[in-house]
């Protein structure tokens, strides 16, 4: 589940069941500016909007009923 409001984006991810240790696919986000850069407030990592939209976010979830929340803030350009 993803919520976008202005420059803020919150993503709630829950892995209901992981089958035989298969890797969890990347989660492609929506509603972001592909030209912008977003900072993950939990990890401090920065991500290009285009990457989050087209390649997705690796969540790191493992095992049944694992869950995580990611908060992103659009970074203002210095130009």
PDB file of N, CA and C in Angstrom:
ATOM      1  N   UNK A   1       0.852  -1.156   0.000  1.00  0.00           N
ATOM      2  CA  UNK A   1       0.000   0.000   0.000  1.00  0.00           C
ATOM      3  C   UNK A   1       0.909   1.233   0.000  1.00  0.00           C
ATOM      4  N   UNK A   2       0.555   2.222  -0.808  1.00  0.00           N
ATOM      5  CA  UNK A   2       1.374   3.428  -0.927  1.00  0.00           C
ATOM      6  C   UNK A   2       0.487   4.654  -0.831  1.00  0.00           C
ATOM      7  N   UNK A   3       0.974   5.647  -0.098  1.00  0.00           N
ATOM      8  CA  UNK A   3       0.284   6.923   0.030  1.00  0.00           C
ATOM      9  C   UNK A   3       1.242   8.026  -0.410  1.00  0.00           C
ATOM     10  N   UNK A   4       0.754   8.959  -1.229  1.00  0.00           N
ATOM     11  CA  UNK A   4       1.560  10.091  -1.695  1.00  0.00           C
ATOM     12  C   UNK A   4       0.809  11.366  -1.360  1.00  0.00           C
ATOM     13  N   UNK A   5       1.493  12.302  -0.704  1.00  0.00           N
ATOM     14  CA  UNK A   5       0.919  13.609  -0.407  1.00  0.00           C
ATOM     15  C   UNK A   5       2.035  14.641  -0.551  1.00  0.00           C
ATOM     16  N   UNK A   6       1.961  15.430  -1.592  1.00  0.00           N
ATOM     17  CA  UNK A   6       2.992  16.431  -1.834  1.00  0.00           C
ATOM     18  C   UNK A   6       4.345  15.774  -2.057  1.00  0.00           C
ATOM     19  N   UNK A   7       5.331  16.175  -1.260  1.00  0.00           N
ATOM     20  CA  UNK A   7       6.689  15.642  -1.376  1.00  0.00           C
ATOM     21  C   UNK A   7       6.914  14.397  -0.521  1.00  0.00           C
ATOM     22  N   UNK A   8       5.893  13.929   0.157  1.00  0.00           N
ATOM     23  CA  UNK A   8       6.016  12.779   1.064  1.00  0.00           C
ATOM     24  C   UNK A   8       5.349  11.541   0.465  1.00  0.00           C
ATOM     25  N   UNK A   9       5.996  10.410   0.632  1.00  0.00           N
ATOM     26  CA  UNK A   9       5.451   9.127   0.198  1.00  0.00           C
ATOM     27  C   UNK A   9       5.681   8.119   1.306  1.00  0.00           C
ATOM     28  N   UNK A  10       4.645   7.368   1.654  1.00  0.00           N
ATOM     29  CA  UNK A  10       4.749   6.309   2.655  1.00  0.00           C
ATOM     30  C   UNK A  10       4.343   5.001   1.983  1.00  0.00           C
ATOM     31  N   UNK A  11       5.174   3.967   2.190  1.00  0.00           N
ATOM     32  CA  UNK A  11       4.903   2.658   1.607  1.00  0.00           C
ATOM     33  C   UNK A  11       4.816   1.642   2.737  1.00  0.00           C
ATOM     34  N   UNK A  12       3.689   0.939   2.817  1.00  0.00           N
ATOM     35  CA  UNK A  12       3.491  -0.126   3.795  1.00  0.00           C
ATOM     36  C   UNK A  12       3.559  -1.442   3.038  1.00  0.00           C
ATOM     37  N   UNK A  13       4.482  -2.324   3.441  1.00  0.00           N
ATOM     38  CA  UNK A  13       4.681  -3.577   2.718  1.00  0.00           C
ATOM     39  C   UNK A  13       4.546  -4.734   3.691  1.00  0.00           C
ATOM     40  N   UNK A  14       3.772  -5.738   3.298  1.00  0.00           N
ATOM     41  CA  UNK A  14       3.601  -6.939   4.116  1.00  0.00           C
ATOM     42  C   UNK A  14       3.758  -8.159   3.222  1.00  0.00           C
ATOM     43  N   UNK A  15       4.603  -9.078   3.631  1.00  0.00           N
ATOM     44  CA  UNK A  15       4.794 -10.332   2.909  1.00  0.00           C
ATOM     45  C   UNK A  15       3.923 -11.380   3.581  1.00  0.00           C
ATOM     46  N   UNK A  16       2.841 -11.739   2.928  1.00  0.00           N
ATOM     47  CA  UNK A  16       1.907 -12.683   3.533  1.00  0.00           C
ATOM     48  C   UNK A  16       2.558 -14.054   3.715  1.00  0.00           C
ATOM     49  N   UNK A  17       3.206 -14.544   2.681  1.00  0.00           N
ATOM     50  CA  UNK A  17       3.874 -15.843   2.767  1.00  0.00           C
ATOM     51  C   UNK A  17       5.019 -15.881   1.769  1.00  0.00           C
ATOM     52  N   UNK A  18       6.117 -16.471   2.190  1.00  0.00           N
ATOM     53  CA  UNK A  18       7.264 -16.635   1.303  1.00  0.00           C
ATOM     54  C   UNK A  18       7.379 -18.119   0.989  1.00  0.00           C
ATOM     55  N   UNK A  19       7.330 -18.464  -0.285  1.00  0.00           N
ATOM     56  CA  UNK A  19       7.323 -19.852  -0.697  1.00  0.00           C
ATOM     57  C   UNK A  19       8.741 -20.377  -0.893  1.00  0.00           C
ATOM     58  N   UNK A  20       9.156 -21.302  -0.042  1.00  0.00           N
ATOM     59  CA  UNK A  20      10.424 -22.020  -0.183  1.00  0.00           C
ATOM     60  C   UNK A  20      11.625 -21.088  -0.294  1.00  0.00           C
ATOM     61  N   UNK A  21      11.586 -19.982   0.398  1.00  0.00           N
ATOM     62  CA  UNK A  21      12.720 -19.059   0.418  1.00  0.00           C
ATOM     63  C   UNK A  21      12.947 -18.314  -0.884  1.00  0.00           C
ATOM     64  N   UNK A  22      11.957 -18.295  -1.771  1.00  0.00           N
ATOM     65  CA  UNK A  22      12.102 -17.570  -3.036  1.00  0.00           C
ATOM     66  C   UNK A  22      12.321 -16.091  -2.763  1.00  0.00           C
ATOM     67  N   UNK A  23      13.146 -15.419  -3.565  1.00  0.00           N
ATOM     68  CA  UNK A  23      13.362 -13.986  -3.358  1.00  0.00           C
ATOM     69  C   UNK A  23      12.092 -13.194  -3.621  1.00  0.00           C
ATOM     70  N   UNK A  24      11.917 -12.148  -2.862  1.00  0.00           N
ATOM     71  CA  UNK A  24      10.750 -11.273  -3.011  1.00  0.00           C
ATOM     72  C   UNK A  24      11.054 -10.289  -4.138  1.00  0.00           C
ATOM     73  N   UNK A  25      10.149 -10.159  -5.109  1.00  0.00           N
ATOM     74  CA  UNK A  25      10.403  -9.216  -6.208  1.00  0.00           C
ATOM     75  C   UNK A  25      10.415  -7.769  -5.713  1.00  0.00           C
ATOM     76  N   UNK A  26      11.090  -6.921  -6.469  1.00  0.00           N
ATOM     77  CA  UNK A  26      11.126  -5.495  -6.145  1.00  0.00           C
ATOM     78  C   UNK A  26       9.723  -4.911  -6.281  1.00  0.00           C
ATOM     79  N   UNK A  27       9.426  -3.935  -5.444  1.00  0.00           N
ATOM     80  CA  UNK A  27       8.122  -3.288  -5.425  1.00  0.00           C
ATOM     81  C   UNK A  27       8.206  -1.981  -6.211  1.00  0.00           C
ATOM     82  N   UNK A  28       7.500  -1.903  -7.328  1.00  0.00           N
ATOM     83  CA  UNK A  28       7.509  -0.685  -8.139  1.00  0.00           C
ATOM     84  C   UNK A  28       6.515   0.315  -7.560  1.00  0.00           C
ATOM     85  N   UNK A  29       6.997   1.527  -7.298  1.00  0.00           N
ATOM     86  CA  UNK A  29       6.160   2.574  -6.723  1.00  0.00           C
ATOM     87  C   UNK A  29       5.447   3.350  -7.825  1.00  0.00           C
ATOM     88  N   UNK A  30       4.463   4.132  -7.425  1.00  0.00           N
ATOM     89  CA  UNK A  30       3.675   4.936  -8.372  1.00  0.00           C
ATOM     90  C   UNK A  30       3.585   6.368  -7.871  1.00  0.00           C
ATOM     91  N   UNK A  31       3.220   7.257  -8.779  1.00  0.00           N
ATOM     92  CA  UNK A  31       2.929   8.630  -8.409  1.00  0.00           C
ATOM     93  C   UNK A  31       4.129   9.481  -8.057  1.00  0.00           C
ATOM     94  N   UNK A  32       5.335   9.020  -8.411  1.00  0.00           N
ATOM     95  CA  UNK A  32       6.545   9.794  -8.120  1.00  0.00           C
ATOM     96  C   UNK A  32       7.008  10.526  -9.372  1.00  0.00           C
ATOM     97  N   UNK A  33       7.809  11.555  -9.173  1.00  0.00           N
ATOM     98  CA  UNK A  33       8.394  12.302 -10.280  1.00  0.00           C
ATOM     99  C   UNK A  33       9.646  11.557 -10.743  1.00  0.00           C
ATOM    100  N   UNK A  34       9.687  11.073 -11.981  1.00  0.00           N
ATOM    101  CA  UNK A  34      10.856  10.317 -12.434  1.00  0.00           C
ATOM    102  C   UNK A  34      12.134  11.152 -12.482  1.00  0.00           C
ATOM    103  N   UNK A  35      12.002  12.471 -12.535  1.00  0.00           N
ATOM    104  CA  UNK A  35      13.175  13.346 -12.588  1.00  0.00           C
ATOM    105  C   UNK A  35      13.698  13.721 -11.198  1.00  0.00           C
ATOM    106  N   UNK A  36      12.951  13.407 -10.161  1.00  0.00           N
ATOM    107  CA  UNK A  36      13.308  13.817  -8.798  1.00  0.00           C
ATOM    108  C   UNK A  36      14.148  12.747  -8.102  1.00  0.00           C
ATOM    109  N   UNK A  37      14.743  13.151  -6.996  1.00  0.00           N
ATOM    110  CA  UNK A  37      15.471  12.245  -6.111  1.00  0.00           C
ATOM    111  C   UNK A  37      14.695  12.166  -4.808  1.00  0.00           C
ATOM    112  N   UNK A  38      14.598  10.968  -4.251  1.00  0.00           N
ATOM    113  CA  UNK A  38      13.855  10.734  -3.019  1.00  0.00           C
ATOM    114  C   UNK A  38      14.771  10.151  -1.962  1.00  0.00           C
ATOM    115  N   UNK A  39      14.657  10.665  -0.744  1.00  0.00           N
ATOM    116  CA  UNK A  39      15.439  10.157   0.378  1.00  0.00           C
ATOM    117  C   UNK A  39      14.552   9.261   1.228  1.00  0.00           C
ATOM    118  N   UNK A  40      15.049   8.058   1.535  1.00  0.00           N
ATOM    119  CA  UNK A  40      14.341   7.160   2.435  1.00  0.00           C
ATOM    120  C   UNK A  40      14.667   7.595   3.858  1.00  0.00           C
ATOM    121  N   UNK A  41      13.663   7.982   4.625  1.00  0.00           N
ATOM    122  CA  UNK A  41      13.885   8.504   5.968  1.00  0.00           C
ATOM    123  C   UNK A  41      14.304   7.414   6.951  1.00  0.00           C
ATOM    124  N   UNK A  42      14.039   6.152   6.626  1.00  0.00           N
ATOM    125  CA  UNK A  42      14.451   5.052   7.508  1.00  0.00           C
ATOM    126  C   UNK A  42      15.925   4.691   7.321  1.00  0.00           C
ATOM    127  N   UNK A  43      16.411   4.724   6.077  1.00  0.00           N
ATOM    128  CA  UNK A  43      17.772   4.267   5.797  1.00  0.00           C
ATOM    129  C   UNK A  43      18.743   5.391   5.465  1.00  0.00           C
ATOM    130  N   UNK A  44      18.213   6.564   5.074  1.00  0.00           N
ATOM    131  CA  UNK A  44      19.073   7.661   4.645  1.00  0.00           C
ATOM    132  C   UNK A  44      19.540   7.531   3.207  1.00  0.00           C
ATOM    133  N   UNK A  45      19.172   6.443   2.532  1.00  0.00           N
ATOM    134  CA  UNK A  45      19.565   6.239   1.141  1.00  0.00           C
ATOM    135  C   UNK A  45      18.759   7.145   0.227  1.00  0.00           C
ATOM    136  N   UNK A  46      19.359   7.531  -0.901  1.00  0.00           N
ATOM    137  CA  UNK A  46      18.643   8.315  -1.892  1.00  0.00           C
ATOM    138  C   UNK A  46      18.389   7.437  -3.116  1.00  0.00           C
ATOM    139  N   UNK A  47      17.252   7.666  -3.738  1.00  0.00           N
ATOM    140  CA  UNK A  47      16.837   6.887  -4.900  1.00  0.00           C
ATOM    141  C   UNK A  47      16.297   7.838  -5.955  1.00  0.00           C
ATOM    142  N   UNK A  48      16.596   7.573  -7.206  1.00  0.00           N
ATOM    143  CA  UNK A  48      16.014   8.333  -8.307  1.00  0.00           C
ATOM    144  C   UNK A  48      14.569   7.897  -8.481  1.00  0.00           C
ATOM    145  N   UNK A  49      13.691   8.849  -8.747  1.00  0.00           N
ATOM    146  CA  UNK A  49      12.284   8.532  -8.957  1.00  0.00           C
ATOM    147  C   UNK A  49      12.086   7.535 -10.086  1.00  0.00           C
ATOM    148  N   UNK A  50      12.850   7.689 -11.173  1.00  0.00           N
ATOM    149  CA  UNK A  50      12.719   6.774 -12.312  1.00  0.00           C
ATOM    150  C   UNK A  50      13.045   5.339 -11.911  1.00  0.00           C
ATOM    151  N   UNK A  51      14.031   5.156 -11.047  1.00  0.00           N
ATOM    152  CA  UNK A  51      14.404   3.807 -10.599  1.00  0.00           C
ATOM    153  C   UNK A  51      13.286   3.207  -9.748  1.00  0.00           C
ATOM    154  N   UNK A  52      12.729   3.983  -8.829  1.00  0.00           N
ATOM    155  CA  UNK A  52      11.641   3.485  -7.987  1.00  0.00           C
ATOM    156  C   UNK A  52      10.405   3.147  -8.819  1.00  0.00           C
ATOM    157  N   UNK A  53      10.155   3.921  -9.866  1.00  0.00           N
ATOM    158  CA  UNK A  53       8.999   3.688 -10.723  1.00  0.00           C
ATOM    159  C   UNK A  53       9.167   2.474 -11.630  1.00  0.00           C
ATOM    160  N   UNK A  54      10.345   2.311 -12.208  1.00  0.00           N
ATOM    161  CA  UNK A  54      10.527   1.295 -13.250  1.00  0.00           C
ATOM    162  C   UNK A  54      11.217   0.020 -12.772  1.00  0.00           C
ATOM    163  N   UNK A  55      12.163   0.137 -11.852  1.00  0.00           N
ATOM    164  CA  UNK A  55      12.882  -1.050 -11.368  1.00  0.00           C
ATOM    165  C   UNK A  55      12.381  -1.497 -10.005  1.00  0.00           C
ATOM    166  N   UNK A  56      11.909  -0.558  -9.229  1.00  0.00           N
ATOM    167  CA  UNK A  56      11.315  -0.885  -7.939  1.00  0.00           C
ATOM    168  C   UNK A  56      12.268  -0.785  -6.768  1.00  0.00           C
ATOM    169  N   UNK A  57      11.710  -1.071  -5.609  1.00  0.00           N
ATOM    170  CA  UNK A  57      12.407  -0.978  -4.331  1.00  0.00           C
ATOM    171  C   UNK A  57      12.573  -2.381  -3.762  1.00  0.00           C
ATOM    172  N   UNK A  58      13.790  -2.738  -3.393  1.00  0.00           N
ATOM    173  CA  UNK A  58      14.036  -4.006  -2.707  1.00  0.00           C
ATOM    174  C   UNK A  58      13.673  -3.800  -1.244  1.00  0.00           C
ATOM    175  N   UNK A  59      12.728  -4.583  -0.752  1.00  0.00           N
ATOM    176  CA  UNK A  59      12.189  -4.362   0.587  1.00  0.00           C
ATOM    177  C   UNK A  59      12.965  -5.081   1.678  1.00  0.00           C
ATOM    178  N   UNK A  60      13.660  -6.155   1.338  1.00  0.00           N
ATOM    179  CA  UNK A  60      14.391  -6.911   2.342  1.00  0.00           C
ATOM    180  C   UNK A  60      13.504  -7.810   3.191  1.00  0.00           C
ATOM    181  N   UNK A  61      12.244  -7.981   2.801  1.00  0.00           N
ATOM    182  CA  UNK A  61      11.342  -8.825   3.573  1.00  0.00           C
ATOM    183  C   UNK A  61      11.743 -10.294   3.449  1.00  0.00           C
ATOM    184  N   UNK A  62      11.582 -11.023   4.568  1.00  0.00           N
ATOM    185  CA  UNK A  62      11.905 -12.447   4.576  1.00  0.00           C
ATOM    186  C   UNK A  62      10.945 -13.158   5.517  1.00  0.00           C
ATOM    187  N   UNK A  63      10.372 -14.215   5.037  1.00  0.00           N
ATOM    188  CA  UNK A  63       9.542 -15.046   5.887  1.00  0.00           C
ATOM    189  C   UNK A  63       8.095 -14.594   5.956  1.00  0.00           C
ATOM    190  N   UNK A  64       7.271 -15.509   6.388  1.00  0.00           N
ATOM    191  CA  UNK A  64       5.834 -15.258   6.472  1.00  0.00           C
ATOM    192  C   UNK A  64       5.516 -14.098   7.406  1.00  0.00           C
ATOM    193  N   UNK A  65       4.614 -13.246   6.955  1.00  0.00           N
ATOM    194  CA  UNK A  65       4.072 -12.119   7.721  1.00  0.00           C
ATOM    195  C   UNK A  65       5.101 -11.063   8.114  1.00  0.00           C
ATOM    196  N   UNK A  66       6.226 -11.004   7.422  1.00  0.00           N
ATOM    197  CA  UNK A  66       7.197  -9.937   7.650  1.00  0.00           C
ATOM    198  C   UNK A  66       6.613  -8.646   7.080  1.00  0.00           C
ATOM    199  N   UNK A  67       6.902  -7.516   7.692  1.00  0.00           N
ATOM    200  CA  UNK A  67       6.351  -6.240   7.239  1.00  0.00           C
ATOM    201  C   UNK A  67       7.342  -5.114   7.507  1.00  0.00           C
ATOM    202  N   UNK A  68       7.191  -4.028   6.743  1.00  0.00           N
ATOM    203  CA  UNK A  68       8.064  -2.870   6.896  1.00  0.00           C
ATOM    204  C   UNK A  68       7.337  -1.628   6.377  1.00  0.00           C
ATOM    205  N   UNK A  69       7.739  -0.478   6.899  1.00  0.00           N
ATOM    206  CA  UNK A  69       7.230   0.819   6.441  1.00  0.00           C
ATOM    207  C   UNK A  69       8.424   1.619   5.930  1.00  0.00           C
ATOM    208  N   UNK A  70       8.276   2.204   4.754  1.00  0.00           N
ATOM    209  CA  UNK A  70       9.282   3.099   4.192  1.00  0.00           C
ATOM    210  C   UNK A  70       8.644   4.466   4.020  1.00  0.00           C
ATOM    211  N   UNK A  71       9.367   5.504   4.444  1.00  0.00           N
ATOM    212  CA  UNK A  71       8.921   6.884   4.230  1.00  0.00           C
ATOM    213  C   UNK A  71       9.942   7.559   3.332  1.00  0.00           C
ATOM    214  N   UNK A  72       9.471   8.192   2.289  1.00  0.00           N
ATOM    215  CA  UNK A  72      10.329   8.899   1.341  1.00  0.00           C
ATOM    216  C   UNK A  72       9.962  10.364   1.310  1.00  0.00           C
ATOM    217  N   UNK A  73      10.981  11.190   1.154  1.00  0.00           N
ATOM    218  CA  UNK A  73      10.773  12.628   0.992  1.00  0.00           C
ATOM    219  C   UNK A  73      11.506  13.060  -0.275  1.00  0.00           C
ATOM    220  N   UNK A  74      10.771  13.780  -1.113  1.00  0.00           N
ATOM    221  CA  UNK A  74      11.382  14.317  -2.328  1.00  0.00           C
ATOM    222  C   UNK A  74      12.404  15.367  -1.939  1.00  0.00           C
ATOM    223  N   UNK A  75      13.606  15.239  -2.486  1.00  0.00           N
ATOM    224  CA  UNK A  75      14.666  16.204  -2.187  1.00  0.00           C
ATOM    225  C   UNK A  75      14.558  17.366  -3.167  1.00  0.00           C
ATOM    226  N   UNK A  76      14.681  18.528  -2.626  1.00  0.00           N
ATOM    227  CA  UNK A  76      14.645  19.740  -3.456  1.00  0.00           C
ATOM    228  C   UNK A  76      15.956  19.889  -4.194  1.00  0.00           C
ATOM    229  N   UNK A  77      15.887  20.264  -5.467  1.00  0.00           N
ATOM    230  CA  UNK A  77      17.112  20.472  -6.233  1.00  0.00           C
ATOM    231  C   UNK A  77      17.760  21.768  -5.801  1.00  0.00           C
ATOM    232  N   UNK A  78      19.078  21.820  -5.950  1.00  0.00           N
ATOM    233  CA  UNK A  78      19.831  23.003  -5.546  1.00  0.00           C
ATOM    234  C   UNK A  78      20.110  23.916  -6.732  1.00  0.00           C
ATOM    235  N   UNK A  79      19.474  23.645  -7.894  1.00  0.00           N
ATOM    236  CA  UNK A  79      19.699  24.484  -9.096  1.00  0.00           C
ATOM    237  C   UNK A  79      18.923  25.754  -9.010  1.00  0.00           C
TER     238      UNK A  79
END
